[in-house]
Amino acid sequence: MMWRDVFFELEDGLIDEANEGTVFCPICGCCSLKQIPKFIPSILTQAAMLERGEEWTPKQEDMGWVCNGGCTRTQRHA
């Protein structure tokens, strides 16, 4: 499985206006999409940042939408 198959674009999702704007998976339609970072810094990078007193916060462009049921662009959840 390719990592790019796991992430969806917000425009792909099904937005339910009646349910507080919840974004549902475009593959199954029953699971919601959630935003997660597309990458997480390595342990060494995180340790170096902590030493400098920095905190890692992902930028909006580094966030991706995933199905919390496990669907990908090519496969529906079990």
N, C-alpha and C. Protein backbone atom coordinates (compact mmCIF):
# COMPACT_ATOMS: atom_id res chain seq x y z
N MET A 1 0.84 -1.18 0.00
CA MET A 1 0.00 0.00 0.00
C MET A 1 0.88 1.24 0.00
N MET A 2 0.55 2.18 -0.82
CA MET A 2 1.29 3.44 -0.90
C MET A 2 0.68 4.43 0.10
N TRP A 3 1.54 5.23 0.75
CA TRP A 3 1.04 6.19 1.73
C TRP A 3 0.07 7.18 1.12
N ARG A 4 0.31 7.55 -0.14
CA ARG A 4 -0.59 8.54 -0.76
C ARG A 4 -2.00 7.98 -0.93
N ASP A 5 -2.15 6.66 -0.92
CA ASP A 5 -3.48 6.05 -1.02
C ASP A 5 -4.28 6.18 0.27
N VAL A 6 -3.62 6.49 1.37
CA VAL A 6 -4.28 6.59 2.67
C VAL A 6 -4.94 7.96 2.85
N PHE A 7 -4.34 9.00 2.27
CA PHE A 7 -4.80 10.37 2.48
C PHE A 7 -5.83 10.78 1.43
N PHE A 8 -6.84 11.50 1.91
CA PHE A 8 -7.87 12.07 1.05
C PHE A 8 -7.76 13.58 1.08
N GLU A 9 -8.35 14.24 0.10
CA GLU A 9 -8.48 15.69 0.11
C GLU A 9 -9.82 16.01 0.76
N LEU A 10 -9.92 17.15 1.40
CA LEU A 10 -11.18 17.54 2.02
C LEU A 10 -12.31 17.56 1.00
N GLU A 11 -12.00 17.97 -0.22
CA GLU A 11 -13.00 18.05 -1.28
C GLU A 11 -13.55 16.67 -1.66
N ASP A 12 -12.78 15.60 -1.36
CA ASP A 12 -13.23 14.24 -1.65
C ASP A 12 -14.33 13.80 -0.69
N GLY A 13 -14.29 14.32 0.53
CA GLY A 13 -15.20 13.87 1.58
C GLY A 13 -16.64 14.28 1.35
N LEU A 14 -17.55 13.60 2.02
CA LEU A 14 -18.97 13.89 1.97
C LEU A 14 -19.32 14.70 3.22
N ILE A 15 -19.69 15.96 3.05
CA ILE A 15 -19.94 16.84 4.19
C ILE A 15 -21.42 16.76 4.57
N ASP A 16 -21.66 16.46 5.84
CA ASP A 16 -23.02 16.35 6.36
C ASP A 16 -23.35 17.64 7.10
N GLU A 17 -24.08 18.54 6.44
CA GLU A 17 -24.43 19.83 7.03
C GLU A 17 -25.35 19.65 8.24
N ALA A 18 -26.19 18.62 8.25
CA ALA A 18 -27.12 18.41 9.34
C ALA A 18 -26.43 17.90 10.61
N ASN A 19 -25.21 17.39 10.46
CA ASN A 19 -24.48 16.80 11.59
C ASN A 19 -23.24 17.62 11.89
N GLU A 20 -23.41 18.92 12.09
CA GLU A 20 -22.32 19.83 12.46
C GLU A 20 -21.18 19.85 11.45
N GLY A 21 -21.46 19.59 10.18
CA GLY A 21 -20.43 19.64 9.15
C GLY A 21 -19.45 18.50 9.18
N THR A 22 -19.82 17.37 9.76
CA THR A 22 -18.95 16.20 9.79
C THR A 22 -18.58 15.80 8.37
N VAL A 23 -17.32 15.44 8.17
CA VAL A 23 -16.84 15.02 6.85
C VAL A 23 -16.74 13.50 6.85
N PHE A 24 -17.52 12.86 5.98
CA PHE A 24 -17.54 11.41 5.90
C PHE A 24 -16.65 10.90 4.77
N CYS A 25 -16.20 9.66 4.92
CA CYS A 25 -15.32 9.01 3.96
C CYS A 25 -16.02 8.90 2.60
N PRO A 26 -15.33 9.25 1.51
CA PRO A 26 -15.93 9.13 0.18
C PRO A 26 -16.01 7.69 -0.33
N ILE A 27 -15.30 6.77 0.32
CA ILE A 27 -15.29 5.38 -0.12
C ILE A 27 -16.45 4.60 0.49
N CYS A 28 -16.62 4.68 1.82
CA CYS A 28 -17.67 3.89 2.47
C CYS A 28 -18.89 4.73 2.84
N GLY A 29 -18.69 6.01 3.11
CA GLY A 29 -19.78 6.90 3.46
C GLY A 29 -20.26 6.77 4.90
N CYS A 30 -19.71 5.81 5.68
CA CYS A 30 -20.19 5.64 7.06
C CYS A 30 -19.17 6.11 8.09
N CYS A 31 -17.91 6.15 7.76
CA CYS A 31 -16.86 6.58 8.70
C CYS A 31 -16.56 8.05 8.46
N SER A 32 -16.13 8.73 9.52
CA SER A 32 -15.75 10.13 9.35
C SER A 32 -14.27 10.23 9.01
N LEU A 33 -13.91 11.32 8.36
CA LEU A 33 -12.51 11.60 8.08
C LEU A 33 -11.97 12.43 9.23
N LYS A 34 -10.70 12.22 9.57
CA LYS A 34 -10.06 13.05 10.58
C LYS A 34 -8.73 13.54 10.03
N GLN A 35 -8.27 14.66 10.57
CA GLN A 35 -7.02 15.25 10.12
C GLN A 35 -5.88 14.76 11.00
N ILE A 36 -4.81 14.31 10.34
CA ILE A 36 -3.60 13.90 11.05
C ILE A 36 -2.38 14.44 10.30
N PRO A 37 -1.25 14.56 10.98
CA PRO A 37 -0.03 14.99 10.29
C PRO A 37 0.40 13.94 9.26
N LYS A 38 0.87 14.41 8.10
CA LYS A 38 1.35 13.49 7.06
C LYS A 38 2.71 12.90 7.43
N PHE A 39 3.41 13.54 8.33
CA PHE A 39 4.69 13.01 8.81
C PHE A 39 4.90 13.46 10.24
N ILE A 40 5.74 12.76 10.95
CA ILE A 40 6.10 13.11 12.33
C ILE A 40 7.63 13.10 12.39
N PRO A 41 8.22 14.13 12.97
CA PRO A 41 9.69 14.16 13.04
C PRO A 41 10.25 12.94 13.77
N SER A 42 11.45 12.57 13.41
CA SER A 42 12.10 11.43 14.05
C SER A 42 12.34 11.71 15.53
N ILE A 43 12.60 10.67 16.27
CA ILE A 43 12.87 10.79 17.71
C ILE A 43 14.06 11.72 17.95
N LEU A 44 15.11 11.59 17.12
CA LEU A 44 16.29 12.44 17.30
C LEU A 44 15.96 13.91 17.05
N THR A 45 15.16 14.16 16.03
CA THR A 45 14.76 15.54 15.73
C THR A 45 13.92 16.10 16.86
N GLN A 46 12.99 15.30 17.38
CA GLN A 46 12.16 15.75 18.48
C GLN A 46 13.00 16.04 19.72
N ALA A 47 13.98 15.19 20.01
CA ALA A 47 14.85 15.39 21.16
C ALA A 47 15.65 16.69 21.02
N ALA A 48 16.16 16.94 19.83
CA ALA A 48 16.92 18.18 19.59
C ALA A 48 16.02 19.41 19.76
N MET A 49 14.79 19.30 19.29
CA MET A 49 13.86 20.41 19.43
C MET A 49 13.54 20.68 20.90
N LEU A 50 13.35 19.61 21.68
CA LEU A 50 13.07 19.77 23.10
C LEU A 50 14.24 20.42 23.83
N GLU A 51 15.47 20.05 23.44
CA GLU A 51 16.65 20.67 24.05
C GLU A 51 16.68 22.16 23.80
N ARG A 52 16.22 22.58 22.62
CA ARG A 52 16.19 24.01 22.29
C ARG A 52 14.94 24.69 22.83
N GLY A 53 14.06 23.93 23.46
CA GLY A 53 12.83 24.51 24.01
C GLY A 53 11.76 24.73 22.96
N GLU A 54 11.88 24.05 21.83
CA GLU A 54 10.90 24.18 20.75
C GLU A 54 9.86 23.08 20.84
N GLU A 55 8.71 23.35 20.31
CA GLU A 55 7.65 22.34 20.27
C GLU A 55 7.25 22.16 18.81
N TRP A 56 7.09 20.90 18.38
CA TRP A 56 6.71 20.63 17.00
C TRP A 56 5.20 20.74 16.86
N THR A 57 4.79 21.61 15.97
CA THR A 57 3.37 21.75 15.64
C THR A 57 3.27 21.69 14.12
N PRO A 58 2.51 20.74 13.59
CA PRO A 58 2.42 20.63 12.13
C PRO A 58 1.70 21.83 11.52
N LYS A 59 2.17 22.24 10.36
CA LYS A 59 1.52 23.32 9.61
C LYS A 59 0.28 22.75 8.93
N GLN A 60 -0.64 23.61 8.60
CA GLN A 60 -1.89 23.16 7.97
C GLN A 60 -1.61 22.40 6.68
N GLU A 61 -0.61 22.83 5.91
CA GLU A 61 -0.31 22.15 4.65
C GLU A 61 0.33 20.78 4.86
N ASP A 62 0.78 20.50 6.08
CA ASP A 62 1.37 19.20 6.41
C ASP A 62 0.35 18.22 6.99
N MET A 63 -0.91 18.63 7.00
CA MET A 63 -1.97 17.79 7.54
C MET A 63 -2.69 17.07 6.39
N GLY A 64 -3.18 15.87 6.68
CA GLY A 64 -3.92 15.11 5.68
C GLY A 64 -5.18 14.53 6.29
N TRP A 65 -6.15 14.19 5.46
CA TRP A 65 -7.41 13.62 5.91
C TRP A 65 -7.37 12.12 5.70
N VAL A 66 -7.70 11.35 6.75
CA VAL A 66 -7.74 9.89 6.67
C VAL A 66 -9.07 9.39 7.21
N CYS A 67 -9.47 8.22 6.74
CA CYS A 67 -10.69 7.58 7.21
C CYS A 67 -10.38 6.88 8.53
N ASN A 68 -11.15 7.17 9.58
CA ASN A 68 -10.85 6.52 10.85
C ASN A 68 -11.34 5.08 10.89
N GLY A 69 -11.98 4.60 9.82
CA GLY A 69 -12.36 3.19 9.72
C GLY A 69 -11.32 2.36 8.98
N GLY A 70 -10.36 3.03 8.33
CA GLY A 70 -9.29 2.32 7.66
C GLY A 70 -9.41 2.25 6.14
N CYS A 71 -10.37 2.93 5.54
CA CYS A 71 -10.49 2.93 4.09
C CYS A 71 -9.29 3.62 3.46
N THR A 72 -8.93 3.19 2.27
CA THR A 72 -7.92 3.87 1.46
C THR A 72 -8.58 4.26 0.15
N ARG A 73 -7.84 4.92 -0.72
CA ARG A 73 -8.40 5.30 -2.02
C ARG A 73 -8.72 4.08 -2.87
N THR A 74 -8.10 2.96 -2.56
CA THR A 74 -8.28 1.77 -3.39
C THR A 74 -9.02 0.63 -2.69
N GLN A 75 -9.33 0.79 -1.39
CA GLN A 75 -9.93 -0.34 -0.67
C GLN A 75 -10.83 0.16 0.45
N ARG A 76 -12.00 -0.44 0.56
CA ARG A 76 -12.95 -0.14 1.63
C ARG A 76 -12.54 -0.90 2.90
N HIS A 77 -12.91 -0.36 4.06
CA HIS A 77 -12.58 -1.03 5.32
C HIS A 77 -13.29 -2.37 5.43
N ALA A 78 -12.77 -3.23 6.30
CA ALA A 78 -13.34 -4.59 6.44
C ALA A 78 -14.66 -4.57 7.17
